[in-house]
Protein backbone atom coordinates (compact mmCIF):
# COMPACT_ATOMS: atom_id res chain seq x y z
CA UNK A 1 0.00 0.00 0.00
CA UNK A 2 1.10 3.60 -0.68
CA UNK A 3 0.22 6.87 0.99
CA UNK A 4 -1.09 5.26 4.15
CA UNK A 5 -2.55 7.20 7.06
CA UNK A 6 -4.07 6.16 10.38
CA UNK A 7 -6.22 8.58 12.37
CA UNK A 8 -6.14 7.45 16.00
CA UNK A 9 -8.43 7.94 19.00
CA UNK A 10 -10.88 10.40 17.43
CA UNK A 11 -14.57 10.63 18.20
CA UNK A 12 -15.85 9.39 14.86
CA UNK A 13 -19.29 10.82 14.08
CA UNK A 14 -20.74 9.46 10.85
CA UNK A 15 -24.54 9.80 10.61
CA UNK A 16 -24.54 7.78 7.37
CA UNK A 17 -23.60 4.72 9.44
CA UNK A 18 -25.10 5.77 12.78
CA UNK A 19 -21.60 6.01 14.26
CA UNK A 20 -20.63 8.11 17.27
CA UNK A 21 -17.75 6.46 19.09
CA UNK A 22 -14.03 6.60 19.76
CA UNK A 23 -12.27 4.67 17.00
CA UNK A 24 -9.44 4.72 14.48
CA UNK A 25 -9.54 5.04 10.70
CA UNK A 26 -7.06 3.43 8.31
CA UNK A 27 -6.64 5.18 4.96
CA UNK A 28 -4.63 3.97 1.99
CA UNK A 29 -4.39 5.33 -1.55
CA UNK A 30 -7.03 7.93 -0.77
CA UNK A 31 -9.67 5.41 0.35
CA UNK A 32 -10.94 4.41 3.78
CA UNK A 33 -9.75 0.82 4.23
CA UNK A 34 -10.98 0.04 7.75
CA UNK A 35 -12.25 1.48 10.99
CA UNK A 36 -12.24 0.19 14.53
CA UNK A 37 -10.52 0.35 17.90
CA UNK A 38 -6.77 -0.01 18.38
CA UNK A 39 -5.93 -0.39 14.70
CA UNK A 40 -2.21 -1.02 14.11
CA UNK A 41 -0.23 1.61 12.22
CA UNK A 42 1.52 -0.08 9.27
CA UNK A 43 5.22 0.54 8.79
CA UNK A 44 5.78 3.76 6.89
CA UNK A 45 2.23 5.04 7.45
CA UNK A 46 1.61 8.49 8.90
CA UNK A 47 -0.26 8.62 12.19
CA UNK A 48 -2.52 11.45 13.35
CA UNK A 49 -3.56 11.56 17.00
CA UNK A 50 -7.12 12.89 17.06
CA UNK A 51 -7.64 12.54 20.81
CA UNK A 52 -10.24 15.05 21.98
CA UNK A 53 -11.22 15.74 18.37
CA UNK A 54 -14.30 14.94 16.29
CA UNK A 55 -13.63 13.02 13.08
CA UNK A 56 -16.39 13.69 10.56
CA UNK A 57 -17.04 13.00 6.90
CA UNK A 58 -15.76 15.96 4.89
CA UNK A 59 -18.28 18.80 5.09
CA UNK A 60 -20.31 19.64 1.96
CA UNK A 61 -21.53 23.18 1.26
CA UNK A 62 -24.33 23.26 -1.28
CA UNK A 63 -24.43 27.06 -1.64
CA UNK A 64 -21.17 28.87 -2.37
CA UNK A 65 -20.32 31.84 -4.59
CA UNK A 66 -16.79 31.58 -5.99
CA UNK A 67 -17.04 34.60 -8.34
CA UNK A 68 -14.75 33.17 -11.03
CA UNK A 69 -14.99 33.90 -13.89
CA UNK A 70 -15.70 37.61 -13.90
CA UNK A 71 -15.10 38.92 -10.37
CA UNK A 72 -11.67 37.59 -9.50
CA UNK A 73 -11.15 40.75 -7.41
CA UNK A 74 -13.65 39.29 -4.92
CA UNK A 75 -12.81 35.58 -5.00
CA UNK A 76 -11.20 32.97 -7.24
CA UNK A 77 -11.51 29.22 -7.51
CA UNK A 78 -8.11 29.07 -5.80
CA UNK A 79 -8.86 31.37 -2.84
CA UNK A 80 -12.43 30.14 -2.46
CA UNK A 81 -11.43 26.49 -2.23
CA UNK A 82 -8.73 27.34 0.32
CA UNK A 83 -11.30 29.18 2.39
CA UNK A 84 -13.54 26.12 2.09
CA UNK A 85 -10.75 23.80 3.27
CA UNK A 86 -10.09 26.08 6.27
CA UNK A 87 -13.78 25.82 7.12
CA UNK A 88 -13.71 22.01 6.95
CA UNK A 89 -15.42 21.68 3.57
CA UNK A 90 -14.12 19.04 1.17
CA UNK A 91 -16.84 19.75 -1.42
CA UNK A 92 -18.63 22.95 -2.38
CA UNK A 93 -21.33 23.65 -4.96
CA UNK A 94 -20.72 26.92 -6.79
CA UNK A 95 -23.63 29.06 -7.86
CA UNK A 96 -23.95 30.10 -11.53
CA UNK A 97 -23.96 33.91 -11.07
CA UNK A 98 -20.48 34.39 -12.49
CA UNK A 99 -19.67 36.68 -15.42
CA UNK A 100 -20.62 35.22 -17.83
CA UNK A 101 -23.37 33.20 -16.17
CA UNK A 102 -22.75 29.46 -15.97
CA UNK A 103 -25.45 28.55 -18.50
CA UNK A 104 -23.53 26.61 -21.18
CA UNK A 105 -21.50 23.46 -21.47
CA UNK A 106 -18.36 25.58 -21.91
CA UNK A 107 -19.03 27.44 -18.64
CA UNK A 108 -19.36 24.19 -16.67
CA UNK A 109 -16.22 22.74 -18.25
CA UNK A 110 -14.29 25.94 -17.47
CA UNK A 111 -15.00 25.60 -13.74
CA UNK A 112 -14.12 21.90 -13.65
CA UNK A 113 -10.86 22.41 -15.58
CA UNK A 114 -9.72 25.38 -13.53
CA UNK A 115 -10.49 23.73 -10.20
CA UNK A 116 -8.37 20.77 -11.30
CA UNK A 117 -5.47 23.19 -11.81
CA UNK A 118 -5.83 25.63 -8.90
CA UNK A 119 -8.37 24.28 -6.39
CA UNK A 120 -7.78 22.24 -3.24
CA UNK A 121 -11.30 20.82 -2.64
CA UNK A 122 -14.04 19.39 -4.86
CA UNK A 123 -16.13 21.99 -6.68
CA UNK A 124 -19.45 20.93 -8.21
CA UNK A 125 -20.93 23.45 -10.67
CA UNK A 126 -24.58 24.43 -10.38
CA UNK A 127 -25.85 25.62 -13.77
CA UNK A 128 -28.44 28.32 -14.40
CA UNK A 129 -32.09 27.40 -14.89
CA UNK A 130 -32.53 30.08 -17.55
CA UNK A 131 -30.14 31.65 -20.06
CA UNK A 132 -28.30 34.53 -18.42
CA UNK A 133 -30.49 34.02 -15.35
CA UNK A 134 -32.99 36.22 -17.16
CA UNK A 135 -35.97 34.02 -16.32
CA UNK A 136 -37.38 33.55 -19.81
CA UNK A 137 -35.57 30.76 -21.71
CA UNK A 138 -34.60 27.43 -20.12
CA UNK A 139 -31.00 26.29 -20.53
CA UNK A 140 -30.04 22.99 -22.16
CA UNK A 141 -30.35 20.81 -19.06
CA UNK A 142 -29.16 17.62 -20.74
CA UNK A 143 -26.04 19.24 -22.17
CA UNK A 144 -25.22 20.86 -18.82
CA UNK A 145 -25.67 17.65 -16.85
CA UNK A 146 -23.48 15.80 -19.32
CA UNK A 147 -20.81 18.49 -18.86
CA UNK A 148 -20.87 18.05 -15.07
CA UNK A 149 -23.60 20.29 -13.61
CA UNK A 150 -25.15 18.72 -10.49
CA UNK A 151 -28.23 20.96 -10.13
CA UNK A 152 -29.92 24.04 -11.57
CA UNK A 153 -30.51 27.44 -9.97
CA UNK A 154 -30.96 31.05 -10.96
CA UNK A 155 -29.90 31.78 -7.36
CA UNK A 156 -30.35 35.47 -6.53
CA UNK A 157 -32.70 35.79 -9.53
CA UNK A 158 -35.76 33.73 -8.56
CA UNK A 159 -37.71 32.27 -11.45
CA UNK A 160 -40.77 34.52 -11.39
CA UNK A 161 -42.52 32.99 -14.39
CA UNK A 162 -44.55 30.04 -13.08
CA UNK A 163 -44.69 28.35 -16.50
CA UNK A 164 -40.88 28.49 -16.81
CA UNK A 165 -40.51 27.04 -13.31
CA UNK A 166 -43.03 24.30 -14.11
CA UNK A 167 -41.10 23.34 -17.24
CA UNK A 168 -37.82 23.37 -15.31
CA UNK A 169 -39.23 20.94 -12.74
CA UNK A 170 -40.57 18.69 -15.50
CA UNK A 171 -37.31 18.81 -17.44
CA UNK A 172 -35.14 18.14 -14.38
CA UNK A 173 -37.11 14.97 -13.62
CA UNK A 174 -35.43 13.37 -16.62
CA UNK A 175 -32.12 13.58 -14.75
CA UNK A 176 -33.48 13.18 -11.19
CA UNK A 177 -31.68 16.27 -9.96
CA UNK A 178 -33.17 19.21 -8.07
CA UNK A 179 -34.03 22.73 -9.06
CA UNK A 180 -32.63 25.09 -6.39
CA UNK A 181 -34.86 28.10 -5.89
CA UNK A 182 -34.24 31.42 -4.18
CA UNK A 183 -37.82 31.79 -2.96
CA UNK A 184 -38.83 35.41 -3.30
CA UNK A 185 -41.56 37.36 -5.04
CA UNK A 186 -39.42 40.11 -6.51
CA UNK A 187 -42.33 42.45 -7.14
CA UNK A 188 -43.00 42.56 -3.41
CA UNK A 189 -39.31 43.10 -2.66
CA UNK A 190 -38.42 45.75 -5.21
CA UNK A 191 -36.04 48.27 -3.63
CA UNK A 192 -35.93 46.43 -0.30
CA UNK A 193 -32.69 46.34 1.69
CA UNK A 194 -33.80 44.57 4.90
CA UNK A 195 -36.73 42.74 6.46
CA UNK A 196 -40.04 44.61 6.56
CA UNK A 197 -40.69 45.01 10.27
CA UNK A 198 -40.71 47.45 13.15
CA UNK A 199 -36.95 47.65 12.70
CA UNK A 200 -37.16 48.77 9.06
CA UNK A 201 -39.81 51.36 9.95
CA UNK A 202 -37.63 52.68 12.77
CA UNK A 203 -34.61 52.96 10.48
CA UNK A 204 -36.54 54.34 7.52
CA UNK A 205 -35.31 51.60 5.21
CA UNK A 206 -37.38 49.79 2.57
CA UNK A 207 -38.29 46.32 3.79
CA UNK A 208 -38.91 42.98 2.09
CA UNK A 209 -42.12 41.50 3.56
CA UNK A 210 -41.92 37.91 4.84
CA UNK A 211 -44.94 37.15 2.62
CA UNK A 212 -42.67 37.47 -0.43
CA UNK A 213 -40.89 34.27 0.62
CA UNK A 214 -44.05 32.49 1.73
CA UNK A 215 -45.85 33.16 -1.58
CA UNK A 216 -42.90 31.91 -3.62
CA UNK A 217 -42.57 28.76 -1.50
CA UNK A 218 -46.28 27.96 -1.76
CA UNK A 219 -46.22 28.39 -5.54
CA UNK A 220 -43.25 26.09 -6.03
CA UNK A 221 -44.64 23.47 -3.65
CA UNK A 222 -47.76 23.41 -5.83
CA UNK A 223 -45.63 23.04 -8.97
CA UNK A 224 -43.53 20.27 -7.40
CA UNK A 225 -46.76 18.49 -6.44
CA UNK A 226 -48.16 18.63 -9.96
CA UNK A 227 -44.93 17.79 -11.82
CA UNK A 228 -43.29 15.34 -9.43
CA UNK A 229 -40.12 17.40 -9.74
CA UNK A 230 -37.64 18.05 -6.97
CA UNK A 231 -37.47 21.60 -5.62
CA UNK A 232 -34.88 22.66 -3.05
CA UNK A 233 -35.41 25.98 -1.29
CA UNK A 234 -32.24 27.94 -0.73
CA UNK A 235 -31.52 29.93 2.46
CA UNK A 236 -35.08 29.81 3.81
CA UNK A 237 -35.86 32.44 6.49
CA UNK A 238 -39.52 32.86 7.46
CA UNK A 239 -41.82 31.09 9.88
CA UNK A 240 -44.71 30.60 7.46
CA UNK A 241 -42.47 29.36 4.65
CA UNK A 242 -41.05 26.77 7.06
CA UNK A 243 -44.58 25.71 8.03
CA UNK A 244 -45.46 25.29 4.35
CA UNK A 245 -42.36 23.13 3.73
CA UNK A 246 -43.15 21.04 6.80
CA UNK A 247 -46.67 20.36 5.51
CA UNK A 248 -45.41 19.61 1.98
CA UNK A 249 -43.06 16.97 3.36
CA UNK A 250 -45.93 15.36 5.26
CA UNK A 251 -47.78 15.12 1.95
CA UNK A 252 -44.82 13.42 0.30
CA UNK A 253 -44.02 16.27 -2.08
CA UNK A 254 -40.39 16.22 -3.23
CA UNK A 255 -39.18 19.30 -1.40
CA UNK A 256 -36.02 20.02 0.60
CA UNK A 257 -34.58 23.15 2.17
CA UNK A 258 -31.45 24.73 3.60
CA UNK A 259 -30.69 27.40 6.20
CA UNK A 260 -27.67 29.70 6.34
CA UNK A 261 -25.78 30.29 9.60
CA UNK A 262 -26.34 34.05 9.52
CA UNK A 263 -30.10 33.58 9.52
CA UNK A 264 -29.77 31.14 12.42
CA UNK A 265 -27.69 33.41 14.66
CA UNK A 266 -28.65 36.99 13.68
CA UNK A 267 -31.91 38.95 13.46
CA UNK A 268 -32.89 42.28 11.92
CA UNK A 269 -32.40 44.18 15.19
CA UNK A 270 -28.64 43.81 14.68
CA UNK A 271 -28.69 46.31 11.80
CA UNK A 272 -29.56 49.31 13.98
CA UNK A 273 -26.59 48.66 16.26
CA UNK A 274 -23.91 49.54 13.72
CA UNK A 275 -25.35 49.84 10.19
CA UNK A 276 -22.69 47.30 9.26
CA UNK A 277 -23.14 46.74 5.52
CA UNK A 278 -21.97 43.15 5.98
CA UNK A 279 -25.37 42.57 7.60
CA UNK A 280 -27.08 43.36 4.32
CA UNK A 281 -27.92 39.97 2.85
CA UNK A 282 -30.57 38.54 0.54
CA UNK A 283 -32.89 37.16 1.80
CA UNK A 284 -32.56 39.64 4.64
CA UNK A 285 -32.04 38.96 8.33
CA UNK A 286 -35.53 38.40 9.69
CA UNK A 287 -37.30 38.92 13.02
CA UNK A 288 -36.40 37.05 16.19
CA UNK A 289 -39.58 34.97 15.91
CA UNK A 290 -38.57 33.94 12.39
CA UNK A 291 -35.09 33.06 13.64
CA UNK A 292 -36.53 30.87 16.36
CA UNK A 293 -38.85 29.17 13.85
CA UNK A 294 -35.84 28.50 11.61
CA UNK A 295 -33.98 26.81 14.47
CA UNK A 296 -37.09 24.76 15.25
CA UNK A 297 -37.31 23.69 11.60
CA UNK A 298 -33.66 22.73 11.60
CA UNK A 299 -34.06 20.66 14.76
CA UNK A 300 -37.22 18.81 13.67
CA UNK A 301 -35.87 17.99 10.19
CA UNK A 302 -38.01 20.37 8.14
CA UNK A 303 -34.76 22.08 7.14
CA UNK A 304 -32.46 19.44 5.66
CA UNK A 305 -29.14 21.25 5.35
CA UNK A 306 -26.95 24.03 6.67
CA UNK A 307 -25.32 25.96 3.80
CA UNK A 308 -22.95 28.91 4.05
CA UNK A 309 -24.23 31.11 1.20
CA UNK A 310 -20.62 32.36 1.08
CA UNK A 311 -20.91 35.63 -0.89
CA UNK A 312 -17.65 37.57 -1.22
CA UNK A 313 -17.65 41.31 -1.95
CA UNK A 314 -14.76 43.74 -2.12
CA UNK A 315 -14.12 46.26 0.63
CA UNK A 316 -14.77 49.09 -1.81
CA UNK A 317 -18.24 47.74 -2.66
CA UNK A 318 -19.26 47.37 0.97
CA UNK A 319 -17.77 50.70 2.11
CA UNK A 320 -20.88 52.77 1.47
CA UNK A 321 -24.34 53.56 2.83
CA UNK A 322 -26.29 50.50 3.96
CA UNK A 323 -28.93 50.73 1.25
CA UNK A 324 -26.32 51.03 -1.52
CA UNK A 325 -24.22 48.02 -0.49
CA UNK A 326 -24.48 44.74 -2.43
CA UNK A 327 -26.05 41.94 -0.39
CA UNK A 328 -23.95 39.09 0.96
CA UNK A 329 -21.32 38.04 3.47
CA UNK A 330 -18.54 35.46 3.46
CA UNK A 331 -19.24 32.32 5.49
CA UNK A 332 -17.12 29.30 4.60
CA UNK A 333 -14.60 29.84 7.40
CA UNK A 334 -17.06 30.67 10.19
CA UNK A 335 -20.09 28.43 9.52
CA UNK A 336 -19.13 25.46 11.67
CA UNK A 337 -17.98 27.55 14.65
CA UNK A 338 -21.14 29.69 14.57
CA UNK A 339 -23.35 26.60 14.61
CA UNK A 340 -21.34 25.10 17.47
CA UNK A 341 -21.29 28.31 19.51
CA UNK A 342 -24.94 29.28 19.10
CA UNK A 343 -26.75 25.96 18.62
CA UNK A 344 -24.70 23.02 19.95
CA UNK A 345 -23.26 24.75 23.02
CA UNK A 346 -26.72 26.11 23.87
CA UNK A 347 -28.14 22.57 23.80
CA UNK A 348 -30.38 23.17 20.78
CA UNK A 349 -28.62 20.59 18.57
CA UNK A 350 -25.96 17.92 18.95
CA UNK A 351 -22.90 17.22 16.85
CA UNK A 352 -24.46 14.25 15.06
CA UNK A 353 -27.44 16.38 13.95
CA UNK A 354 -25.21 19.18 12.69
CA UNK A 355 -22.84 16.85 10.85
CA UNK A 356 -25.82 15.11 9.20
CA UNK A 357 -27.02 18.45 7.85
CA UNK A 358 -23.55 19.37 6.59
CA UNK A 359 -22.53 16.00 5.07
CA UNK A 360 -24.88 13.13 4.30
CA UNK A 361 -28.00 15.25 3.68
CA UNK A 362 -26.49 17.55 1.01
CA UNK A 363 -24.75 14.54 -0.55
CA UNK A 364 -28.10 12.73 -0.76
CA UNK A 365 -30.04 15.71 -2.15
CA UNK A 366 -27.47 16.40 -4.86
CA UNK A 367 -26.43 12.76 -5.41
CA UNK A 368 -22.81 13.61 -4.68
CA UNK A 369 -20.07 11.23 -3.60
CA UNK A 370 -18.99 11.81 -0.01
CA UNK A 371 -20.88 12.40 3.20
CA UNK A 372 -19.71 9.08 4.65
CA UNK A 373 -16.75 7.39 6.30
CA UNK A 374 -17.82 3.93 5.16
CA UNK A 375 -15.12 1.47 4.15
CA UNK A 376 -14.35 1.87 0.45
CA UNK A 377 -15.38 5.52 0.29
CA UNK A 378 -13.05 8.37 -0.60
CA UNK A 379 -11.11 9.58 2.44
CA UNK A 380 -12.70 13.04 2.58
CA UNK A 381 -12.49 13.84 6.28
CA UNK A 382 -12.85 16.84 8.58
CA UNK A 383 -11.16 16.79 12.00
CA UNK A 384 -12.74 19.28 14.39
CA UNK A 385 -11.48 20.63 17.72
CA UNK A 386 -14.85 21.22 19.42
CA UNK A 387 -13.44 23.06 22.46
CA UNK A 388 -11.05 25.41 20.67
CA UNK A 389 -11.84 29.05 21.44
CA UNK A 390 -10.78 31.60 18.85
CA UNK A 391 -11.42 35.15 17.72
CA UNK A 392 -12.47 35.91 14.16
CA UNK A 393 -9.82 38.09 12.52
CA UNK A 394 -9.94 39.61 9.04
CA UNK A 395 -6.24 39.03 8.44
CA UNK A 396 -6.67 35.30 9.02
CA UNK A 397 -9.31 34.73 6.34
CA UNK A 398 -8.21 32.61 3.37
CA UNK A 399 -11.02 34.15 1.36
CA UNK A 400 -9.98 37.02 -0.88
CA UNK A 401 -12.81 39.11 0.57
CA UNK A 402 -13.26 40.08 4.22
CA UNK A 403 -16.95 41.05 4.30
CA UNK A 404 -17.88 39.32 7.54
CA UNK A 405 -19.96 40.81 10.38
CA UNK A 406 -18.29 38.40 12.80
CA UNK A 407 -14.86 40.03 12.87
CA UNK A 408 -13.91 40.36 16.53
CA UNK A 409 -16.40 37.71 17.68
CA UNK A 410 -15.18 34.99 20.04
CA UNK A 411 -16.30 31.56 18.83
CA UNK A 412 -15.86 27.99 20.03
CA UNK A 413 -14.96 25.07 17.77
CA UNK A 414 -12.44 25.12 14.97
CA UNK A 415 -11.33 22.87 12.15
CA UNK A 416 -7.97 21.26 12.96
CA UNK A 417 -7.43 19.44 9.67
CA UNK A 418 -9.21 18.90 6.36
CA UNK A 419 -8.36 15.81 4.31
CA UNK A 420 -9.36 15.26 0.69
CA UNK A 421 -8.78 11.82 -0.81
CA UNK A 422 -6.35 10.98 2.01
CA UNK A 423 -4.29 14.16 1.49
CA UNK A 424 -4.24 17.01 3.97
CA UNK A 425 -5.44 20.20 2.24
CA UNK A 426 -5.70 22.31 5.41
CA UNK A 427 -4.02 22.06 8.81
CA UNK A 428 -4.51 24.57 11.61
């Protein structure tokens, strides 16, 4: 055997196998060969002592913006994948809102080829639902899937035309892959920069009503019911939308959903404290009651995944009035620690639940390899120091952009090592 590695004494948590116990892992030639207690370390093999650490399947982020091609001043496939590795992610799914939009076979191939040259983790391209994300002409799904696209989304440009969305769900059934929808009625949200609430009234800022998300979710649930297609709701935020998804699942409709860490730990009252433009996101930070409903949906399984919605922006773009700033914040390097600090440590979730929503669930929804430490699977592994206390610092980010509202925050839990195919791609 070549390139052998044994990870010793870690708390192996693998929801795909129902594992949560102290054990060792033996890796050879990039594949997990065996697991158990007191495994011998073969001559010449490297040994990693993971005592006190959590050993997890490599994390999977199903909502990342890598900005290349077109906005390499904000992020590149190289810097974005290094930020992902530092956050414990071995696979990320990049959204299609590059310049040009990822809506052709050539666009998909470009991402795959460039990641092979400059990236350090797996990158799975998500292709646009409509040409140019303009909402009026469906892309060539078959051609895009053949090129390597793993799902379809117009991301920040929700498909407003119900007939186009219906056709997309019908078309995607041929490939059994999901349509990822940013659920928002744009007509209700035109000009909005935050949640419509007491807070927006107090600040004199145009608000996006929660009903805009609820209406969009209800429409697409109805379309998924009639077509049998698979719809996945991106970064869901409102109480009534969560209730609608919960009911749709009870009815057996093919619907899944994700939540972003910033919507789980922040609410719209934060904006008045500093007018920090890094708090301007889309969908916006919602009310505290919405935040609590989102946590409840995550805990009871209505929300399937935690996804970063990593959205880099340059300092120059964010250095302006709140209502002029582009929406989005970076999140790959802080997601896991935020969830640990504000959900696990507060007793709202446990590590097995969190790892399930950041590994096996996204792998299942998108039919990706990974999300497991089963024998024979690729050795994509995240080693986590759950007790490590650290302070978020801008100069420590691997991301090319620094637009995070968490700079200066003290968090608990940090990635110690990220392993892709048996090779360390990040070490603290």
